[in-house]
Amino acid sequence: VQLQASGGGLVQPGGSLRLSCVASGFTWDYYNIGWFRQAPGKEREGVSCMSSSDGSTYDADSVKGRFTFARDRRRNTVYLQMNSLKPEDTAVYYCAAYVNCNGPPVGWGQGTLVTVSS
């Protein structure tokens, strides 16, 4: 399984970015898919996770109302639309596989850096 995230960059506070993740060899019916982030010197933080069974999403309180998770199974791709970005959103974002959205990720690929700064 390969999970390749892309789309990060430098954006001003209040701006938007859309991250993409291409999931190669991903078993959509078995794993859930989501995003976590890790800022320098901080612990890993779950951002959003999508249930494989019904497509419902579970978002961290810190991103609710600002981030939207979408998937395109035909293209084996998921997206994280990030709006109203804040400096505290600065982190490396990883696309990951989960057995349970309430649990830790069980696999992830190379992350993409998001920097929110003026």
Protein backbone atom coordinates (compact mmCIF):
# COMPACT_ATOMS: atom_id res chain seq x y z
CA VAL A 1 0.00 0.00 0.00
CA GLN A 2 1.27 3.43 -0.93
CA LEU A 3 -0.26 6.62 0.36
CA GLN A 4 1.21 9.64 -1.37
CA ALA A 5 0.20 13.03 -0.02
CA SER A 6 0.73 16.27 -1.90
CA GLY A 7 -0.53 19.83 -2.06
CA GLY A 8 1.19 21.44 0.88
CA GLY A 9 2.81 24.83 0.76
CA LEU A 10 3.03 28.26 2.29
CA VAL A 11 -0.22 30.13 2.83
CA GLN A 12 -1.21 33.23 4.75
CA PRO A 13 -3.51 33.04 7.76
CA GLY A 14 -7.10 32.85 6.60
CA GLY A 15 -6.09 31.20 3.34
CA SER A 16 -6.90 27.80 1.89
CA LEU A 17 -5.11 24.73 0.62
CA ARG A 18 -6.26 21.41 -0.72
CA LEU A 19 -4.23 18.32 0.04
CA SER A 20 -4.48 15.22 -2.10
CA CYS A 21 -3.60 11.63 -1.36
CA VAL A 22 -3.35 8.88 -3.95
CA ALA A 23 -3.86 5.47 -2.38
CA SER A 24 -2.23 2.72 -4.42
CA GLY A 25 -3.03 -0.85 -3.55
CA PHE A 26 -5.38 0.34 -0.82
CA THR A 27 -8.11 -2.04 0.33
CA TRP A 28 -11.00 0.41 0.59
CA ASP A 29 -13.41 -2.13 2.04
CA TYR A 30 -11.12 -3.06 4.91
CA TYR A 31 -9.30 0.09 5.95
CA ASN A 32 -10.50 3.52 6.85
CA ILE A 33 -8.47 6.40 5.51
CA GLY A 34 -7.60 9.68 7.12
CA TRP A 35 -5.13 12.41 7.85
CA PHE A 36 -2.94 13.20 10.79
CA ARG A 37 -0.41 15.96 11.29
CA GLN A 38 2.71 16.53 13.26
CA ALA A 39 4.16 19.91 14.08
CA PRO A 40 7.80 20.33 15.10
CA GLY A 41 8.27 19.32 18.72
CA LYS A 42 4.68 18.22 19.11
CA GLU A 43 2.89 14.90 19.22
CA ARG A 44 1.00 13.46 16.31
CA GLU A 45 -2.55 14.76 16.06
CA GLY A 46 -5.40 13.10 14.22
CA VAL A 47 -7.09 15.54 11.85
CA SER A 48 -9.83 13.67 10.05
CA CYS A 49 -10.81 10.09 9.28
CA MET A 50 -13.35 8.68 6.86
CA SER A 51 -15.21 5.47 7.51
CA SER A 52 -14.93 2.96 4.69
CA SER A 53 -18.37 1.57 5.47
CA ASP A 54 -20.49 4.67 5.04
CA GLY A 55 -18.20 7.58 4.17
CA SER A 56 -18.89 9.43 7.38
CA THR A 57 -16.02 11.53 8.66
CA TYR A 58 -14.63 12.15 12.11
CA ASP A 59 -12.89 15.49 12.51
CA ALA A 60 -10.73 16.84 15.29
CA ASP A 61 -12.36 19.67 17.22
CA SER A 62 -9.51 21.94 16.16
CA VAL A 63 -10.49 21.67 12.48
CA LYS A 64 -14.26 21.25 12.58
CA GLY A 65 -16.00 23.71 10.32
CA ARG A 66 -12.76 24.56 8.52
CA PHE A 67 -11.51 21.30 7.00
CA THR A 68 -13.50 19.04 4.69
CA PHE A 69 -12.60 15.47 3.77
CA ALA A 70 -13.68 14.05 0.42
CA ARG A 71 -12.88 10.94 -1.59
CA ASP A 72 -12.91 9.87 -5.22
CA ARG A 73 -12.73 6.10 -5.20
CA ARG A 74 -12.57 5.90 -8.97
CA ARG A 75 -9.28 7.77 -8.82
CA ASN A 76 -8.18 6.12 -5.55
CA THR A 77 -7.74 9.63 -4.21
CA VAL A 78 -8.84 11.49 -1.10
CA TYR A 79 -8.71 15.19 -0.47
CA LEU A 80 -8.48 17.46 2.53
CA GLN A 81 -9.82 20.92 1.81
CA MET A 82 -8.44 23.28 4.41
CA ASN A 83 -10.02 26.71 4.79
CA SER A 84 -9.53 29.55 7.25
CA LEU A 85 -6.05 28.31 8.00
CA LYS A 86 -4.36 29.38 11.20
CA PRO A 87 -0.68 29.47 12.16
CA GLU A 88 -1.33 26.58 14.54
CA ASP A 89 -2.27 24.44 11.53
CA THR A 90 1.39 24.50 10.49
CA ALA A 91 2.60 20.89 10.39
CA VAL A 92 3.54 18.01 8.17
CA TYR A 93 0.32 16.34 7.06
CA TYR A 94 0.19 12.61 6.43
CA CYS A 95 -2.37 10.49 4.68
CA ALA A 96 -2.87 7.28 6.63
CA ALA A 97 -4.73 3.99 6.86
CA TYR A 98 -6.72 3.11 9.96
CA VAL A 99 -8.36 -0.08 11.09
CA ASN A 100 -10.49 2.01 13.40
CA CYS A 101 -10.93 5.77 13.11
CA ASN A 102 -10.71 5.98 16.89
CA GLY A 103 -7.37 4.20 16.91
CA PRO A 104 -3.85 4.98 15.74
CA PRO A 105 -2.84 4.91 12.07
CA VAL A 106 -1.50 1.56 10.88
CA GLY A 107 0.32 2.85 7.82
CA TRP A 108 1.16 6.13 6.17
CA GLY A 109 3.22 7.61 3.40
CA GLN A 110 5.45 10.60 2.99
CA GLY A 111 3.85 13.73 4.35
CA THR A 112 3.40 17.15 2.88
CA LEU A 113 4.37 20.34 4.70
CA VAL A 114 1.79 23.02 5.34
CA THR A 115 3.08 26.35 6.62
CA VAL A 116 0.64 29.06 7.66
CA SER A 117 2.45 32.33 8.10
CA SER A 118 2.26 35.95 7.09
